[in-house]
Protein backbone atom coordinates (compact mmCIF):
# COMPACT_ATOMS: atom_id res chain seq x y z
CA MET A 1 74.74 138.08 246.86
CA ALA A 2 75.25 141.83 247.19
CA LEU A 3 73.53 143.98 244.54
CA PHE A 4 76.79 145.03 242.92
CA GLY A 5 79.00 142.23 244.21
CA GLN A 6 80.63 139.41 242.31
CA PRO A 7 78.11 136.62 241.64
CA ASN A 8 78.63 133.37 243.52
CA ILE A 9 78.84 131.01 240.57
CA GLU A 10 79.04 127.88 242.71
CA LYS A 11 75.87 128.86 244.57
CA LEU A 12 74.08 129.64 241.32
CA ARG A 13 75.13 126.27 239.95
CA ALA A 14 74.05 124.43 243.10
CA ASN A 15 70.63 126.13 242.90
CA ARG A 16 70.41 125.40 239.16
CA ASP A 17 69.83 129.11 238.65
CA ILE A 18 70.15 129.25 234.86
CA SER A 19 68.92 132.83 234.66
CA GLY A 20 71.50 133.92 237.24
CA LEU A 21 74.31 132.16 235.38
CA ILE A 22 73.27 133.76 232.11
CA LYS A 23 73.22 137.16 233.82
CA ALA A 24 76.76 136.50 235.09
CA PHE A 25 77.95 136.75 231.49
CA ASP A 26 77.60 140.53 231.84
CA HIS A 27 80.22 140.65 234.61
CA LYS A 28 83.43 142.53 233.77
CA LYS A 29 85.80 139.77 234.99
CA TRP A 30 86.53 137.09 232.40
CA GLU A 31 87.00 134.51 235.14
CA VAL A 32 83.40 135.02 236.22
CA ARG A 33 82.16 134.65 232.64
CA ARG A 34 84.30 131.55 232.19
CA ASP A 35 83.03 129.96 235.39
CA ALA A 36 79.44 130.79 234.45
CA ALA A 37 79.93 129.13 231.05
CA VAL A 38 81.42 126.01 232.63
CA ALA A 39 78.59 125.90 235.18
CA LEU A 40 76.03 126.06 232.37
CA LYS A 41 77.87 123.25 230.63
CA ASN A 42 77.94 121.11 233.79
CA LEU A 43 74.23 121.57 234.40
CA GLY A 44 73.47 120.32 230.91
CA ASP A 45 70.34 122.45 230.78
CA MET A 46 69.10 123.06 227.24
CA ARG A 47 68.44 126.71 228.10
CA GLY A 48 72.12 127.03 228.93
CA LYS A 49 73.23 125.37 225.71
CA ASP A 50 70.89 127.49 223.63
CA PHE A 51 72.17 130.64 225.32
CA LEU A 52 75.81 129.69 224.68
CA ILE A 53 75.06 129.08 221.01
CA ALA A 54 73.26 132.42 220.76
CA VAL A 55 76.24 134.18 222.36
CA ILE A 56 78.70 132.64 219.87
CA LYS A 57 76.51 133.60 216.91
CA ASP A 58 76.22 137.22 218.07
CA LYS A 59 79.28 138.90 216.52
CA HIS A 60 78.34 142.18 218.23
CA GLN A 61 78.85 140.52 221.59
CA ASN A 62 82.13 141.05 223.50
CA VAL A 63 84.69 138.62 222.09
CA ASP A 64 85.77 137.47 225.56
CA ILE A 65 82.21 136.43 226.37
CA ARG A 66 81.91 134.64 223.02
CA TRP A 67 85.25 132.93 223.72
CA SER A 68 84.03 131.70 227.11
CA ALA A 69 80.84 130.41 225.53
CA ALA A 70 82.80 128.59 222.82
CA GLU A 71 85.04 126.93 225.38
CA ALA A 72 82.01 125.78 227.33
CA LEU A 73 80.63 124.18 224.17
CA LEU A 74 83.82 122.17 223.80
CA TYR A 75 82.22 119.79 226.25
CA GLN A 76 79.02 119.61 224.19
CA LEU A 77 80.52 118.24 220.96
CA LYS A 78 78.24 115.22 221.03
CA ASP A 79 75.44 117.66 220.36
CA PRO A 80 75.20 118.07 216.54
CA GLU A 81 74.18 121.73 216.65
CA ALA A 82 77.04 122.70 218.96
CA ARG A 83 79.55 120.72 216.89
CA ASP A 84 78.39 122.21 213.59
CA LEU A 85 78.55 125.73 215.02
CA LEU A 86 82.14 125.28 216.18
CA ILE A 87 83.16 123.80 212.82
CA SER A 88 81.60 126.73 210.94
CA THR A 89 83.28 129.21 213.31
CA LEU A 90 86.62 127.56 212.66
CA LYS A 91 86.21 127.79 208.89
CA ASP A 92 85.04 131.43 208.85
CA LYS A 93 88.02 133.58 207.77
CA ASN A 94 86.08 136.73 208.69
CA GLU A 95 85.64 135.51 212.25
CA ASN A 96 87.76 136.88 215.11
CA ILE A 97 90.97 134.81 215.31
CA LYS A 98 90.51 134.31 219.04
CA MET A 99 87.14 132.70 218.34
CA ARG A 100 88.58 130.51 215.60
CA MET A 101 91.39 129.32 217.87
CA SER A 102 88.89 128.56 220.63
CA ALA A 103 86.82 126.52 218.18
CA ALA A 104 89.97 124.80 216.95
CA LYS A 105 90.64 123.46 220.43
CA ALA A 106 87.42 121.50 220.13
CA ILE A 107 88.99 119.41 217.38
CA ARG A 108 92.51 119.13 218.70
CA ASN A 109 92.22 115.35 218.43
CA PRO A 110 90.28 115.11 215.18
CA ASP A 111 88.84 111.72 214.36
CA GLU A 112 86.89 112.52 211.20
CA GLN A 113 87.78 113.19 207.58
CA GLU A 114 86.04 116.59 207.42
CA VAL A 115 88.21 117.99 210.17
CA LYS A 116 91.44 116.59 208.72
CA ASN A 117 90.57 118.00 205.31
CA PHE A 118 89.99 121.45 206.78
CA LEU A 119 93.32 121.40 208.60
CA ILE A 120 95.19 120.45 205.44
CA THR A 121 93.30 123.11 203.46
CA ALA A 122 94.13 125.74 206.10
CA LEU A 123 97.81 124.85 206.00
CA LYS A 124 97.85 124.90 202.17
CA ASP A 125 96.15 128.30 202.03
CA LYS A 126 98.92 130.89 202.31
CA SER A 127 96.33 133.66 202.63
CA GLU A 128 95.07 132.01 205.83
CA ASN A 129 95.90 133.60 209.20
CA THR A 130 99.43 132.54 210.20
CA ASP A 131 98.38 131.58 213.74
CA MET A 132 95.68 129.32 212.33
CA ARG A 133 98.16 127.70 209.92
CA LEU A 134 100.61 127.11 212.76
CA PHE A 135 97.85 125.57 214.87
CA ALA A 136 96.78 123.36 211.96
CA ALA A 137 100.38 122.21 211.48
CA GLU A 138 100.68 121.29 215.15
CA ILE A 139 97.47 119.24 215.12
CA LEU A 140 98.32 117.52 211.83
CA VAL A 141 101.66 116.35 213.19
CA ASP A 142 99.81 114.64 216.04
CA ILE A 143 97.61 112.72 213.60
CA ASP A 144 98.90 109.26 212.80
CA ASP A 145 97.91 109.68 209.16
CA SER A 146 100.23 109.11 206.21
CA GLU A 147 98.49 111.65 203.96
CA ALA A 148 98.76 114.41 206.55
CA LYS A 149 102.39 113.51 207.32
CA ASP A 150 103.36 113.52 203.62
CA PHE A 151 101.81 116.95 203.16
CA LEU A 152 103.70 118.31 206.16
CA ILE A 153 106.98 117.03 204.74
CA ALA A 154 106.11 118.73 201.44
CA THR A 155 105.86 122.09 203.26
CA LEU A 156 109.48 121.67 204.39
CA LYS A 157 110.55 121.45 200.74
CA ASP A 158 108.50 124.45 199.55
CA GLU A 159 110.95 127.30 198.96
CA ASN A 160 108.07 129.80 198.90
CA GLU A 161 106.60 128.65 202.21
CA ASN A 162 106.54 130.88 205.29
CA VAL A 163 109.66 129.91 207.22
CA SER A 164 107.82 130.13 210.55
CA ILE A 165 105.40 127.47 209.29
CA GLN A 166 108.28 125.25 208.16
CA TRP A 167 110.08 125.69 211.46
CA LYS A 168 106.94 124.82 213.43
CA VAL A 169 106.37 121.70 211.34
CA ALA A 170 110.01 120.61 211.61
CA GLY A 171 110.15 121.23 215.34
CA THR A 172 106.99 119.27 216.04
CA LEU A 173 108.11 116.42 213.79
CA ALA A 174 111.48 116.36 215.54
CA ARG A 175 109.83 116.15 218.96
CA HIS A 176 108.01 113.10 217.65
CA GLY A 177 111.32 111.58 216.55
CA ASP A 178 110.67 111.98 212.81
CA LEU A 179 114.11 112.17 211.19
CA ARG A 180 112.83 114.31 208.32
CA GLY A 181 112.03 117.07 210.79
CA VAL A 182 115.39 116.54 212.47
CA ALA A 183 117.24 116.94 209.17
CA PHE A 184 115.41 120.18 208.41
CA LEU A 185 116.28 121.63 211.83
CA ILE A 186 119.95 120.73 211.40
CA ASP A 187 119.94 122.60 208.09
CA CYS A 188 118.33 125.56 209.86
CA LEU A 189 121.46 126.00 211.99
CA ASN A 190 123.11 127.37 208.84
CA ASN A 191 120.09 129.30 207.57
CA LYS A 192 120.93 132.75 206.20
CA ASN A 193 118.25 134.22 208.51
CA GLU A 194 119.92 134.70 211.89
CA GLU A 195 116.61 134.59 213.76
CA ILE A 196 115.95 131.11 212.34
CA ARG A 197 119.45 129.99 213.40
CA HIS A 198 118.93 131.25 216.92
CA ILE A 199 115.45 129.84 217.57
CA THR A 200 116.58 126.52 216.06
CA VAL A 201 119.47 126.07 218.46
CA VAL A 202 117.13 127.03 221.33
CA LEU A 203 114.62 124.40 220.18
CA LEU A 204 117.30 121.71 219.89
CA GLY A 205 118.64 122.66 223.31
CA GLU A 206 115.22 122.53 224.94
CA ILE A 207 114.53 119.11 223.45
CA LEU A 208 117.89 117.92 224.80
CA VAL A 209 117.38 119.32 228.30
CA LYS A 210 113.71 118.35 228.67
CA SER A 211 113.67 114.94 226.99
CA GLY A 212 117.34 113.93 226.88
CA ALA A 213 117.00 113.09 223.16
CA SER A 214 120.45 111.85 222.17
CA TRP A 215 120.07 112.89 218.51
CA THR A 216 120.29 116.56 219.55
CA VAL A 217 123.83 116.24 220.93
CA MET A 218 125.83 116.09 217.70
CA PRO A 219 123.99 118.99 216.01
CA LEU A 220 124.60 121.10 219.11
CA VAL A 221 128.27 120.05 219.24
CA SER A 222 128.58 121.00 215.56
CA ALA A 223 126.96 124.34 216.39
CA LEU A 224 129.97 125.12 218.60
CA LYS A 225 131.89 125.59 215.33
CA ASN A 226 129.18 127.74 213.76
CA SER A 227 130.34 131.14 212.51
CA ASP A 228 127.40 132.71 214.35
CA LYS A 229 128.68 133.47 217.85
CA ILE A 230 125.20 133.51 219.34
CA VAL A 231 124.62 129.98 218.04
CA GLN A 232 127.94 128.94 219.61
CA ALA A 233 127.04 130.48 222.98
CA LEU A 234 123.55 128.98 223.10
CA ALA A 235 124.76 125.53 222.06
CA GLU A 236 127.43 125.48 224.76
CA ASN A 237 124.92 126.64 227.36
CA TYR A 238 122.60 123.70 226.61
CA LEU A 239 125.37 121.13 226.31
CA ASN A 240 126.72 122.15 229.69
CA HIS A 241 123.49 120.79 231.20
CA ILE A 242 124.53 117.27 230.19
CA ASP A 243 126.72 115.48 232.73
CA ASN A 244 128.34 113.05 230.31
CA LEU A 245 132.09 112.59 229.80
CA GLU A 246 131.75 111.86 226.08
CA VAL A 247 129.70 115.02 225.57
CA LYS A 248 132.18 117.09 227.58
CA GLN A 249 135.05 115.68 225.48
CA ALA A 250 133.15 116.46 222.28
CA ILE A 251 132.66 120.05 223.51
CA ALA A 252 136.38 120.38 224.26
CA ASP A 253 137.34 118.96 220.86
CA ALA A 254 134.93 121.26 219.04
CA GLN A 255 136.13 124.33 220.92
CA SER A 256 139.78 123.51 220.34
CA SER A 257 139.18 123.33 216.60
CA ALA A 258 136.76 126.29 216.42
CA PRO A 259 137.90 129.53 214.75
CA ALA A 260 139.65 131.97 217.02
CA GLN A 261 136.90 134.49 216.28
CA ALA A 262 134.62 132.80 218.81
CA ALA A 263 135.71 135.33 221.44
CA THR A 264 136.81 138.70 220.22
CA VAL A 265 137.14 141.68 222.49
CA SER A 266 135.84 145.08 223.20
CA ASP A 267 138.33 147.76 224.22
CA ASP A 268 139.95 146.34 227.32
CA SER A 269 138.75 142.81 227.95
CA THR A 270 138.23 139.47 226.22
CA ILE A 271 134.79 138.09 227.03
CA ALA A 272 133.59 134.61 226.22
CA ALA A 273 130.25 134.79 224.42
CA ASN A 274 128.44 132.64 226.96
CA ASN A 275 129.85 134.22 230.14
CA LYS A 276 126.71 135.80 231.56
CA ASN A 277 128.23 137.05 234.81
CA LYS A 278 131.08 138.85 233.09
CA VAL A 279 128.71 140.52 230.67
CA LEU A 280 126.51 141.69 233.51
CA GLU A 281 129.52 143.09 235.39
CA THR A 282 131.11 144.91 232.47
CA GLY A 283 128.18 145.63 230.19
CA LYS A 284 130.38 144.49 227.30
CA SER A 285 130.07 141.52 225.01
CA THR A 286 132.01 140.21 222.08
CA ALA A 287 128.97 139.10 220.10
CA ILE A 288 125.85 139.42 222.20
CA SER A 289 124.69 142.70 223.72
CA ASN A 290 122.81 142.70 227.00
CA GLU A 291 119.69 143.63 225.03
CA GLU A 292 120.07 140.52 222.88
CA ARG A 293 120.81 138.40 225.93
CA LEU A 294 117.57 139.64 227.47
CA ILE A 295 115.65 138.61 224.35
CA LEU A 296 117.28 135.18 224.31
CA ALA A 297 116.67 134.69 228.04
CA ALA A 298 112.98 135.59 227.59
CA LYS A 299 112.74 133.08 224.73
CA GLU A 300 114.38 130.38 226.87
CA ASP A 301 112.26 131.15 229.95
CA ASP A 302 115.49 131.83 231.84
CA VAL A 303 113.88 133.93 234.57
CA GLN A 304 117.02 134.42 236.67
CA THR A 305 118.99 135.80 233.73
CA VAL A 306 116.07 138.06 232.81
CA LYS A 307 116.04 139.46 236.34
CA ALA A 308 119.82 139.90 236.41
CA LEU A 309 119.87 141.72 233.07
CA LEU A 310 117.05 144.02 234.12
CA ASP A 311 118.83 144.75 237.41
CA ALA A 312 121.92 145.63 235.36
CA GLY A 313 119.90 148.30 233.56
CA THR A 314 119.06 146.52 230.33
CA ASP A 315 116.11 148.09 228.49
CA VAL A 316 113.03 146.00 229.24
CA ASN A 317 111.59 146.95 225.83
CA ALA A 318 114.77 146.17 223.92
CA THR A 319 114.50 145.24 220.25
CA VAL A 320 117.45 143.97 218.25
CA LYS A 321 118.04 143.81 214.51
CA GLY A 322 117.11 140.41 213.13
CA TYR A 323 114.32 139.72 215.64
CA ALA A 324 111.45 141.27 213.64
CA GLY A 325 110.88 144.01 216.22
CA MET A 326 109.99 141.46 218.90
CA THR A 327 110.44 142.69 222.47
CA PRO A 328 111.37 140.36 225.37
CA LEU A 329 107.71 140.46 226.47
CA MET A 330 106.57 139.31 223.03
CA HIS A 331 109.05 136.43 223.05
CA ALA A 332 107.99 135.37 226.54
CA SER A 333 104.33 135.55 225.52
CA ARG A 334 104.97 133.51 222.39
CA GLY A 335 106.73 130.83 224.44
CA ASN A 336 103.96 130.73 227.07
CA HIS A 337 106.55 131.66 229.71
CA ILE A 338 104.24 132.99 232.42
CA ASP A 339 106.90 133.73 235.05
CA CYS A 340 108.99 135.66 232.52
CA VAL A 341 105.93 137.64 231.48
CA LYS A 342 105.25 138.57 235.12
CA VAL A 343 108.84 139.71 235.66
CA LEU A 344 108.90 141.80 232.49
CA ILE A 345 105.55 143.45 233.25
CA SER A 346 106.70 144.23 236.79
CA ALA A 347 109.81 145.85 235.29
CA GLY A 348 107.61 148.19 233.25
CA ALA A 349 107.44 146.45 229.89
CA ASN A 350 105.33 148.33 227.34
CA VAL A 351 102.40 145.96 226.74
CA ARG A 352 101.18 147.93 223.70
CA MET A 353 104.32 147.85 221.56
CA LYS A 354 104.02 146.22 218.15
CA ASN A 355 106.54 144.14 216.23
CA GLU A 356 107.34 144.56 212.54
CA LEU A 357 104.21 142.58 211.66
CA GLY A 358 102.03 144.89 213.75
CA ARG A 359 101.42 142.28 216.46
CA THR A 360 101.41 143.03 220.18
CA ALA A 361 102.22 140.65 223.01
CA LEU A 362 98.47 140.40 223.63
CA LYS A 363 97.81 139.31 220.05
CA ILE A 364 100.53 136.69 220.34
CA ALA A 365 99.17 135.35 223.64
CA GLU A 366 95.64 135.26 222.25
CA GLY A 367 96.87 133.31 219.26
CA ASN A 368 98.38 130.77 221.66
CA GLY A 369 95.12 130.57 223.58
CA ASN A 370 96.99 131.28 226.83
CA ARG A 371 94.33 132.77 229.07
CA GLU A 372 96.65 133.43 232.01
CA ILE A 373 99.07 135.51 229.96
CA VAL A 374 96.17 137.30 228.25
CA LYS A 375 94.83 138.21 231.68
CA LEU A 376 98.24 139.45 232.89
CA LEU A 377 98.66 141.63 229.81
CA GLU A 378 95.15 143.05 229.99
CA GLU A 379 95.57 143.88 233.67
CA ALA A 380 98.76 145.72 232.70
CA GLY A 381 96.85 147.85 230.20
CA ALA A 382 96.97 145.83 226.97
CA ARG A 383 93.89 146.21 224.82
CA GLU A 384 92.74 144.44 221.68
CA GLU A 385 92.24 146.80 218.74
CA ARG A 386 88.77 146.25 217.41
CA THR A 387 87.77 146.80 213.83
């Protein structure tokens, strides 16, 4: 290995060079640190385990290195010390959220009362980090436990609950076929918050297209009559993916009885809300601007539409009222849409912009635990603000 070259992790592992693997944690590339952590885990050497634990405990250490060490310890959960450390990291509200999310992955399939109790407590605690509460909600839905399920349903009825938490719970329940989550999502189509209406119809559409769930058809057909033109356009777009005569007839019936306002005009042309090509050619839209279409396309992982809109001159950093200051890059990062993220970065997206909550695309990707998107953003110049 050259003096200043990249360490050969596989060679170090094959030679059981624990000291060399520990030294590799100083390398600037996170992939090297990750591979070194995994190699230490695979070797099962106590010196490696002790080093990983020491790295996690050292809050002055670079968070990426601590993250890699925590992920390596995911495979060491049978060791009481490693398990207890990850549990304490998860519970520590003063800990870096990236570290807490990494620890949380260790208990994604919890099989003990202590873990379940923590998840319920985290979801109940409205002062808890929103990303952690969302993660707790997702895990709790996967637990076949009546107490956890009853608590989740209670969050849907809490008028003072964060709507993003409710939406996450309802969406995950709906994917599991729980009709209580389905009913909540259907109500969301008429929510006074337009962002909630829009992301709900996207969720219903994605469930329909990806799983073919028949229960999504009628809500989407009903959405064709919604007074929100964006909801109409999105619903029709998803329903058009279904090659079924009854569905096509239902679409025709709904459109024939829908209010005439569904397609108003700009100065010299009438443009159907879902006609992407016409909007790209004219730059005009009855209800959806090209900027809003770009946001929706990024949320849907519609890479071709994203490219077409950018080629048509749409602002890559567009923000639209009602979307909480979220740029297309933030939406793509939140949805784990890697190809969309790549396209937007290549088009010059500002990776350091913040939404109305002060969150960047990097913060969002870190909260999702998506290493590939984190890497793409960091290579494009995104940096975590340290306190």
